[in-house]
Structures are given as C-alpha cells and as structure tokens.
C-alpha cells in the first residue's frame, strides 16, 4: 500500500485519541457566521484538500505550523490539560515505561531501541528545562509531529 497522508477527519480523530481530547458536540457549535468554530472544525477546514490525490498531498506551511504550535497542540502539551500526559506523569512508572506509553498513545507501537534511548536520556535529564514532566511533554510533541503519526502506511 502506498504511504499517504491522513484525511483531515482521520488526522483530527487521531490527535483527539492520542491526546485524550473530548469535545461535546452541540448544535450551537456549528461553523457558520453566528457560532464559534470547534477544534475539530478548525482542523478539518485547515487540512481540507479536494484537489490533490491522497497519495500526492503535501503539508502546507500553515498546516505544519498548526501541528507544531497551534492552539489544539498547545493545550495537548499543557501538563494541566492533557489527559494523556497527566496519565503518563501521575502513574508510577520508570522513564522507560513513560516513553513507551507515549509511543503506544501516538504511534500504536513500542519504540525501537534506537528511538527509545535518546528519548529516555532526554526525559531522565529533564530536557532543556531540567523538568521531567516538561521533557515528557516535549517527547509527546515530537511524536505527534512526526510523519509517521500523520500518515497511513
């Protein structure tokens, strides 16, 4: 099967599943001139591409920036708001188990030894802030932004 990018709906659903995001739907949240946009509708609108075949679609700069530092990702990296990060940080685990849990949450697979060791070292040292929970958020961010997360292969 050819590697292809996820459809906008698939990408949002994958992000929501990996981050533990839940947004209750109400009729008042529909995207029109009178109502605010939901996180889902913002992603769907930004990533909509009806012109290119799914195997040829490329990520735009705006799409990449949204995945790197948009509001949805920023809240998913917030240690007080992210269900996934809270579960990984608050459950008694070793750094190795925490990194593995983030891989399963995002990529649905364990890390290879080559992938795992740099992340474990980063988490053990606390990363650039010398803060282990923040280092785990950095690892989570890197996994959500890797090409493997946003593609179907």
N, C-alpha and C. Protein backbone atom coordinates (compact mmCIF):
# COMPACT_ATOMS: atom_id res chain seq x y z
N UNK A 1 0.84 -1.17 0.00
CA UNK A 1 0.00 0.00 0.00
C UNK A 1 0.89 1.24 0.00
N UNK A 2 0.52 2.21 -0.77
CA UNK A 2 1.28 3.46 -0.83
C UNK A 2 1.08 4.26 0.46
N UNK A 3 2.15 4.88 0.91
CA UNK A 3 2.06 5.75 2.08
C UNK A 3 1.30 7.01 1.67
N UNK A 4 0.32 7.40 2.47
CA UNK A 4 -0.44 8.60 2.17
C UNK A 4 -0.79 9.31 3.46
N UNK A 5 -0.98 10.61 3.34
CA UNK A 5 -1.37 11.40 4.50
C UNK A 5 -2.78 11.07 4.94
N UNK A 6 -3.03 11.25 6.21
CA UNK A 6 -4.37 11.01 6.73
C UNK A 6 -5.33 12.08 6.21
N UNK A 7 -6.56 11.68 6.02
CA UNK A 7 -7.61 12.63 5.68
C UNK A 7 -7.80 13.56 6.89
N UNK A 8 -8.31 14.76 6.67
CA UNK A 8 -8.48 15.68 7.80
C UNK A 8 -9.25 15.08 8.98
N UNK A 9 -10.31 14.34 8.69
CA UNK A 9 -11.10 13.71 9.75
C UNK A 9 -10.26 12.68 10.50
N UNK A 10 -9.48 11.90 9.76
CA UNK A 10 -8.62 10.90 10.38
C UNK A 10 -7.55 11.55 11.24
N UNK A 11 -6.97 12.63 10.74
CA UNK A 11 -5.94 13.32 11.49
C UNK A 11 -6.50 13.87 12.79
N UNK A 12 -7.65 14.55 12.74
CA UNK A 12 -8.21 15.09 13.97
C UNK A 12 -8.56 13.97 14.94
N UNK A 13 -9.19 12.92 14.44
CA UNK A 13 -9.57 11.81 15.32
C UNK A 13 -8.34 11.16 15.94
N UNK A 14 -7.26 11.05 15.19
CA UNK A 14 -6.01 10.51 15.72
C UNK A 14 -5.42 11.42 16.79
N UNK A 15 -5.43 12.72 16.53
CA UNK A 15 -4.95 13.69 17.52
C UNK A 15 -5.80 13.62 18.79
N UNK A 16 -7.12 13.58 18.62
CA UNK A 16 -8.01 13.53 19.77
C UNK A 16 -7.80 12.26 20.58
N UNK A 17 -7.64 11.14 19.90
CA UNK A 17 -7.41 9.86 20.60
C UNK A 17 -6.08 9.87 21.34
N UNK A 18 -5.04 10.32 20.67
CA UNK A 18 -3.71 10.32 21.29
C UNK A 18 -3.60 11.26 22.47
N UNK A 19 -4.30 12.39 22.40
CA UNK A 19 -4.18 13.39 23.46
C UNK A 19 -5.24 13.26 24.55
N UNK A 20 -6.23 12.40 24.33
CA UNK A 20 -7.30 12.27 25.30
C UNK A 20 -8.30 13.42 25.23
N UNK A 21 -8.38 14.06 24.06
CA UNK A 21 -9.26 15.22 23.88
C UNK A 21 -10.69 14.76 23.67
N UNK A 22 -11.61 15.44 24.32
CA UNK A 22 -13.03 15.19 24.09
C UNK A 22 -13.74 16.53 24.04
N UNK A 23 -14.52 16.71 23.01
CA UNK A 23 -15.30 17.94 22.85
C UNK A 23 -16.74 17.54 22.60
N UNK A 24 -17.60 17.84 23.55
CA UNK A 24 -19.01 17.51 23.39
C UNK A 24 -19.58 18.33 22.24
N UNK A 25 -20.37 17.70 21.43
CA UNK A 25 -20.97 18.38 20.27
C UNK A 25 -22.33 18.92 20.64
N UNK A 26 -22.56 20.15 20.27
CA UNK A 26 -23.89 20.73 20.37
C UNK A 26 -24.19 21.42 19.04
N UNK A 27 -25.44 21.61 18.76
CA UNK A 27 -25.84 22.26 17.52
C UNK A 27 -25.28 23.67 17.46
N UNK A 28 -25.10 24.31 18.59
CA UNK A 28 -24.62 25.69 18.64
C UNK A 28 -23.14 25.82 18.29
N UNK A 29 -22.43 24.73 18.06
CA UNK A 29 -21.01 24.80 17.74
C UNK A 29 -20.74 24.65 16.25
N UNK A 30 -21.76 24.64 15.44
CA UNK A 30 -21.55 24.50 14.00
C UNK A 30 -20.80 25.70 13.46
N UNK A 31 -19.99 25.47 12.44
CA UNK A 31 -19.18 26.52 11.84
C UNK A 31 -20.02 27.34 10.85
N UNK A 32 -20.52 28.46 11.32
CA UNK A 32 -21.20 29.39 10.43
C UNK A 32 -20.93 30.80 10.94
N UNK A 33 -21.56 31.77 10.38
CA UNK A 33 -21.26 33.16 10.73
C UNK A 33 -21.65 33.51 12.16
N UNK A 34 -22.51 32.76 12.79
CA UNK A 34 -23.02 33.12 14.11
C UNK A 34 -22.39 32.33 15.25
N UNK A 35 -21.68 31.27 14.95
CA UNK A 35 -21.18 30.40 16.02
C UNK A 35 -19.68 30.22 15.92
N UNK A 36 -19.08 29.94 17.06
CA UNK A 36 -17.63 29.73 17.09
C UNK A 36 -17.27 28.39 16.47
N UNK A 37 -16.02 28.28 16.02
CA UNK A 37 -15.55 27.02 15.43
C UNK A 37 -15.06 26.11 16.55
N UNK A 38 -15.29 24.84 16.39
CA UNK A 38 -14.77 23.86 17.33
C UNK A 38 -13.35 23.50 16.92
N UNK A 39 -12.63 22.83 17.82
CA UNK A 39 -11.28 22.37 17.49
C UNK A 39 -11.34 21.47 16.26
N UNK A 40 -12.32 20.61 16.21
CA UNK A 40 -12.45 19.69 15.07
C UNK A 40 -12.66 20.46 13.77
N UNK A 41 -13.59 21.41 13.77
CA UNK A 41 -13.89 22.13 12.53
C UNK A 41 -12.70 22.97 12.08
N UNK A 42 -11.91 23.49 13.02
CA UNK A 42 -10.72 24.25 12.63
C UNK A 42 -9.71 23.36 11.90
N UNK A 43 -9.46 22.17 12.43
CA UNK A 43 -8.52 21.24 11.79
C UNK A 43 -9.07 20.78 10.43
N UNK A 44 -10.34 20.45 10.39
CA UNK A 44 -10.94 19.97 9.13
C UNK A 44 -10.86 21.04 8.05
N UNK A 45 -11.13 22.27 8.41
CA UNK A 45 -11.08 23.35 7.43
C UNK A 45 -9.65 23.61 6.96
N UNK A 46 -8.71 23.61 7.88
CA UNK A 46 -7.32 23.90 7.54
C UNK A 46 -6.70 22.80 6.68
N UNK A 47 -7.05 21.54 6.93
CA UNK A 47 -6.43 20.43 6.22
C UNK A 47 -7.24 19.93 5.03
N UNK A 48 -8.36 20.56 4.73
CA UNK A 48 -9.17 20.15 3.59
C UNK A 48 -8.38 20.33 2.29
N UNK A 49 -8.40 19.30 1.45
CA UNK A 49 -7.71 19.36 0.16
C UNK A 49 -8.43 18.42 -0.80
N UNK A 50 -9.30 18.98 -1.58
CA UNK A 50 -10.08 18.18 -2.52
C UNK A 50 -9.45 18.11 -3.91
N UNK A 51 -8.32 18.78 -4.10
CA UNK A 51 -7.75 18.87 -5.43
C UNK A 51 -6.67 17.83 -5.72
N UNK A 52 -5.87 17.47 -4.72
CA UNK A 52 -4.76 16.52 -4.94
C UNK A 52 -5.17 15.11 -4.59
N UNK A 53 -4.65 14.11 -5.31
CA UNK A 53 -4.88 12.72 -4.90
C UNK A 53 -4.28 12.49 -3.52
N UNK A 54 -4.89 11.59 -2.75
CA UNK A 54 -4.43 11.38 -1.36
C UNK A 54 -2.98 10.93 -1.28
N UNK A 55 -2.47 10.28 -2.31
CA UNK A 55 -1.07 9.83 -2.27
C UNK A 55 -0.10 10.94 -2.65
N UNK A 56 -0.60 12.08 -3.12
CA UNK A 56 0.26 13.17 -3.57
C UNK A 56 0.14 14.42 -2.70
N UNK A 57 -0.72 14.40 -1.69
CA UNK A 57 -0.92 15.58 -0.86
C UNK A 57 0.32 15.90 -0.06
N UNK A 58 0.62 17.19 0.04
CA UNK A 58 1.74 17.64 0.85
C UNK A 58 1.23 18.59 1.91
N UNK A 59 1.92 18.62 3.02
CA UNK A 59 1.54 19.51 4.11
C UNK A 59 1.99 20.93 3.80
N UNK A 60 1.09 21.87 3.98
CA UNK A 60 1.43 23.28 3.76
C UNK A 60 2.16 23.82 4.99
N UNK A 61 2.75 24.98 4.84
CA UNK A 61 3.44 25.61 5.97
C UNK A 61 2.45 25.91 7.08
N UNK A 62 1.29 26.41 6.75
CA UNK A 62 0.28 26.72 7.76
C UNK A 62 -0.18 25.46 8.49
N UNK A 63 -0.34 24.37 7.76
CA UNK A 63 -0.72 23.11 8.39
C UNK A 63 0.37 22.63 9.34
N UNK A 64 1.63 22.68 8.89
CA UNK A 64 2.74 22.25 9.74
C UNK A 64 2.84 23.11 10.98
N UNK A 65 2.69 24.42 10.83
CA UNK A 65 2.76 25.31 11.99
C UNK A 65 1.62 25.05 12.96
N UNK A 66 0.45 24.72 12.44
CA UNK A 66 -0.68 24.40 13.31
C UNK A 66 -0.39 23.15 14.13
N UNK A 67 0.21 22.15 13.51
CA UNK A 67 0.55 20.93 14.24
C UNK A 67 1.70 21.15 15.21
N UNK A 68 2.56 22.10 14.91
CA UNK A 68 3.70 22.35 15.79
C UNK A 68 3.32 23.23 16.99
N UNK A 69 2.56 24.29 16.73
CA UNK A 69 2.30 25.20 17.84
C UNK A 69 0.93 25.84 17.81
N UNK A 70 -0.04 25.18 17.20
CA UNK A 70 -1.40 25.70 17.19
C UNK A 70 -2.06 25.54 18.55
N UNK A 71 -3.22 26.12 18.70
CA UNK A 71 -3.94 26.12 19.97
C UNK A 71 -4.26 24.70 20.44
N UNK A 72 -4.69 23.84 19.52
CA UNK A 72 -5.04 22.46 19.91
C UNK A 72 -3.82 21.73 20.47
N UNK A 73 -2.70 21.81 19.78
CA UNK A 73 -1.48 21.13 20.23
C UNK A 73 -0.96 21.76 21.52
N UNK A 74 -1.03 23.08 21.62
CA UNK A 74 -0.57 23.75 22.84
C UNK A 74 -1.34 23.27 24.06
N UNK A 75 -2.65 23.12 23.92
CA UNK A 75 -3.42 22.63 25.06
C UNK A 75 -3.14 21.16 25.34
N UNK A 76 -2.83 20.39 24.30
CA UNK A 76 -2.49 18.98 24.48
C UNK A 76 -1.14 18.80 25.17
N UNK A 77 -0.28 19.81 25.07
CA UNK A 77 1.03 19.77 25.71
C UNK A 77 1.01 20.39 27.12
N UNK A 78 -0.11 21.01 27.47
CA UNK A 78 -0.25 21.62 28.78
C UNK A 78 -0.40 20.52 29.83
N UNK A 79 0.48 20.52 30.79
CA UNK A 79 0.51 19.44 31.78
C UNK A 79 -0.77 19.38 32.61
N UNK A 80 -1.50 20.49 32.72
CA UNK A 80 -2.75 20.50 33.48
C UNK A 80 -3.96 20.13 32.62
N UNK A 81 -3.85 20.19 31.30
CA UNK A 81 -5.00 19.95 30.43
C UNK A 81 -4.95 18.63 29.67
N UNK A 82 -3.79 18.06 29.50
CA UNK A 82 -3.65 16.87 28.68
C UNK A 82 -3.94 15.60 29.48
N UNK A 83 -4.97 14.89 29.06
CA UNK A 83 -5.30 13.63 29.72
C UNK A 83 -4.20 12.59 29.57
N UNK A 84 -3.61 12.53 28.40
CA UNK A 84 -2.55 11.55 28.16
C UNK A 84 -1.32 11.86 28.99
N UNK A 85 -0.88 13.10 28.95
CA UNK A 85 0.31 13.46 29.74
C UNK A 85 0.06 13.29 31.23
N UNK A 86 -1.11 13.68 31.70
CA UNK A 86 -1.43 13.52 33.12
C UNK A 86 -1.36 12.05 33.53
N UNK A 87 -1.91 11.17 32.68
CA UNK A 87 -1.88 9.74 32.99
C UNK A 87 -0.45 9.21 33.02
N UNK A 88 0.36 9.62 32.06
CA UNK A 88 1.74 9.13 31.99
C UNK A 88 2.59 9.69 33.14
N UNK A 89 2.37 10.93 33.49
CA UNK A 89 3.18 11.57 34.55
C UNK A 89 2.75 11.11 35.93
N UNK A 90 1.45 10.98 36.17
CA UNK A 90 0.95 10.69 37.51
C UNK A 90 0.95 9.22 37.88
N UNK A 91 1.05 8.34 36.91
CA UNK A 91 1.08 6.91 37.19
C UNK A 91 2.52 6.52 37.51
N UNK A 92 2.74 5.75 38.56
CA UNK A 92 4.13 5.39 38.91
C UNK A 92 4.76 4.46 37.87
N UNK A 93 5.66 5.03 37.07
CA UNK A 93 6.36 4.28 36.03
C UNK A 93 7.80 4.77 35.96
N UNK A 94 8.62 3.96 35.34
CA UNK A 94 10.00 4.36 35.08
C UNK A 94 10.01 5.27 33.85
N UNK A 95 11.10 6.02 33.62
CA UNK A 95 11.18 6.81 32.40
C UNK A 95 11.03 5.95 31.14
N UNK A 96 11.56 4.75 31.16
CA UNK A 96 11.44 3.85 30.03
C UNK A 96 9.98 3.51 29.74
N UNK A 97 9.22 3.23 30.80
CA UNK A 97 7.81 2.90 30.64
C UNK A 97 7.01 4.12 30.18
N UNK A 98 7.38 5.28 30.66
CA UNK A 98 6.67 6.50 30.25
C UNK A 98 6.88 6.77 28.76
N UNK A 99 8.12 6.65 28.30
CA UNK A 99 8.40 6.85 26.87
C UNK A 99 7.65 5.82 26.04
N UNK A 100 7.68 4.58 26.48
CA UNK A 100 6.96 3.54 25.75
C UNK A 100 5.46 3.83 25.72
N UNK A 101 4.90 4.31 26.81
CA UNK A 101 3.48 4.65 26.85
C UNK A 101 3.14 5.75 25.85
N UNK A 102 4.01 6.75 25.72
CA UNK A 102 3.77 7.82 24.75
C UNK A 102 3.85 7.30 23.32
N UNK A 103 4.75 6.36 23.06
CA UNK A 103 4.82 5.75 21.73
C UNK A 103 3.53 5.00 21.42
N UNK A 104 3.04 4.23 22.39
CA UNK A 104 1.79 3.49 22.15
C UNK A 104 0.62 4.45 21.97
N UNK A 105 0.58 5.54 22.72
CA UNK A 105 -0.52 6.51 22.61
C UNK A 105 -0.53 7.21 21.26
N UNK A 106 0.64 7.43 20.68
CA UNK A 106 0.72 8.18 19.43
C UNK A 106 0.88 7.30 18.19
N UNK A 107 1.80 6.37 18.24
CA UNK A 107 2.14 5.57 17.05
C UNK A 107 1.63 4.14 17.11
N UNK A 108 1.02 3.76 18.24
CA UNK A 108 0.45 2.42 18.43
C UNK A 108 1.48 1.31 18.27
N UNK A 109 2.69 1.62 18.71
CA UNK A 109 3.75 0.61 18.66
C UNK A 109 4.81 0.97 19.70
N UNK A 110 5.62 -0.02 20.09
CA UNK A 110 6.72 0.31 21.01
C UNK A 110 7.85 0.99 20.24
N UNK A 111 8.66 1.76 20.95
CA UNK A 111 9.81 2.37 20.26
C UNK A 111 10.87 1.32 19.98
N UNK A 112 11.61 1.53 18.91
CA UNK A 112 12.77 0.67 18.65
C UNK A 112 13.85 1.08 19.65
N UNK A 113 14.85 0.23 19.89
CA UNK A 113 15.94 0.62 20.80
C UNK A 113 16.63 1.91 20.36
N UNK A 114 16.76 2.10 19.04
CA UNK A 114 17.41 3.31 18.53
C UNK A 114 16.58 4.55 18.81
N UNK A 115 15.27 4.40 18.80
CA UNK A 115 14.38 5.53 19.10
C UNK A 115 14.28 5.76 20.60
N UNK A 116 14.21 4.67 21.35
CA UNK A 116 13.93 4.76 22.78
C UNK A 116 15.04 5.43 23.58
N UNK A 117 16.28 5.07 23.34
CA UNK A 117 17.36 5.55 24.21
C UNK A 117 17.52 7.07 24.23
N UNK A 118 17.51 7.75 23.09
CA UNK A 118 17.63 9.22 23.16
C UNK A 118 16.48 9.87 23.92
N UNK A 119 15.26 9.35 23.76
CA UNK A 119 14.12 9.90 24.48
C UNK A 119 14.24 9.64 25.98
N UNK A 120 14.68 8.45 26.34
CA UNK A 120 14.85 8.13 27.77
C UNK A 120 15.90 9.04 28.39
N UNK A 121 17.01 9.21 27.71
CA UNK A 121 18.06 10.10 28.22
C UNK A 121 17.53 11.52 28.38
N UNK A 122 16.77 11.97 27.42
CA UNK A 122 16.19 13.32 27.46
C UNK A 122 15.26 13.47 28.67
N UNK A 123 14.41 12.48 28.88
CA UNK A 123 13.46 12.54 30.00
C UNK A 123 14.20 12.46 31.34
N UNK A 124 15.17 11.57 31.44
CA UNK A 124 15.92 11.44 32.70
C UNK A 124 16.63 12.72 33.09
N UNK A 125 17.15 13.46 32.12
CA UNK A 125 17.85 14.71 32.43
C UNK A 125 16.88 15.88 32.57
N UNK A 126 15.62 15.67 32.20
CA UNK A 126 14.64 16.75 32.28
C UNK A 126 14.65 17.67 31.09
N UNK A 127 15.39 17.32 30.05
CA UNK A 127 15.42 18.15 28.85
C UNK A 127 16.05 19.50 29.09
N UNK A 128 15.70 20.46 28.28
CA UNK A 128 16.31 21.79 28.35
C UNK A 128 15.88 22.54 29.61
N UNK A 129 14.72 22.21 30.16
CA UNK A 129 14.23 22.91 31.36
C UNK A 129 14.61 22.19 32.64
N UNK A 130 15.23 21.03 32.52
CA UNK A 130 15.57 20.19 33.68
C UNK A 130 14.33 19.83 34.50
N UNK A 131 13.24 19.60 33.78
CA UNK A 131 11.95 19.29 34.38
C UNK A 131 11.42 18.05 33.67
N UNK A 132 11.37 16.91 34.37
CA UNK A 132 10.96 15.66 33.73
C UNK A 132 9.55 15.70 33.14
N UNK A 133 8.54 16.24 33.84
CA UNK A 133 7.21 16.31 33.20
C UNK A 133 7.23 17.13 31.91
N UNK A 134 7.96 18.23 31.89
CA UNK A 134 8.03 19.04 30.68
C UNK A 134 8.80 18.29 29.59
N UNK A 135 9.82 17.52 29.98
CA UNK A 135 10.55 16.72 29.00
C UNK A 135 9.64 15.66 28.37
N UNK A 136 8.74 15.08 29.17
CA UNK A 136 7.77 14.13 28.62
C UNK A 136 6.82 14.83 27.65
N UNK A 137 6.43 16.06 27.95
CA UNK A 137 5.59 16.82 27.03
C UNK A 137 6.35 17.07 25.72
N UNK A 138 7.64 17.33 25.81
CA UNK A 138 8.46 17.52 24.60
C UNK A 138 8.50 16.25 23.75
N UNK A 139 8.64 15.12 24.39
CA UNK A 139 8.66 13.83 23.68
C UNK A 139 7.30 13.60 23.02
N UNK A 140 6.25 13.88 23.76
CA UNK A 140 4.89 13.73 23.22
C UNK A 140 4.69 14.62 22.00
N UNK A 141 5.15 15.87 22.09
CA UNK A 141 5.05 16.81 20.98
C UNK A 141 5.80 16.28 19.75
N UNK A 142 7.01 15.76 19.97
CA UNK A 142 7.81 15.24 18.86
C UNK A 142 7.10 14.07 18.18
N UNK A 143 6.48 13.21 18.96
CA UNK A 143 5.79 12.06 18.38
C UNK A 143 4.53 12.48 17.62
N UNK A 144 3.80 13.46 18.14
CA UNK A 144 2.61 13.94 17.44
C UNK A 144 2.96 14.65 16.14
N UNK A 145 4.18 15.18 16.05
CA UNK A 145 4.59 15.92 14.87
C UNK A 145 5.46 15.12 13.90
N UNK A 146 5.70 13.85 14.21
CA UNK A 146 6.50 13.06 13.27
C UNK A 146 5.63 12.61 12.10
N UNK A 147 6.26 12.35 10.98
CA UNK A 147 5.50 11.99 9.78
C UNK A 147 4.76 10.66 9.95
N UNK A 148 5.27 9.79 10.77
CA UNK A 148 4.61 8.51 10.98
C UNK A 148 3.23 8.69 11.61
N UNK A 149 3.07 9.69 12.47
CA UNK A 149 1.79 9.93 13.11
C UNK A 149 0.73 10.37 12.10
N UNK A 150 1.09 11.20 11.17
CA UNK A 150 0.10 11.79 10.27
C UNK A 150 -0.01 11.10 8.92
N UNK A 151 0.50 9.87 8.84
CA UNK A 151 0.39 9.15 7.56
C UNK A 151 -0.17 7.76 7.78
N UNK A 152 -0.73 7.23 6.71
CA UNK A 152 -1.28 5.89 6.70
C UNK A 152 -0.33 5.03 5.88
N UNK A 153 0.24 4.03 6.52
CA UNK A 153 1.20 3.18 5.82
C UNK A 153 1.02 1.72 6.17
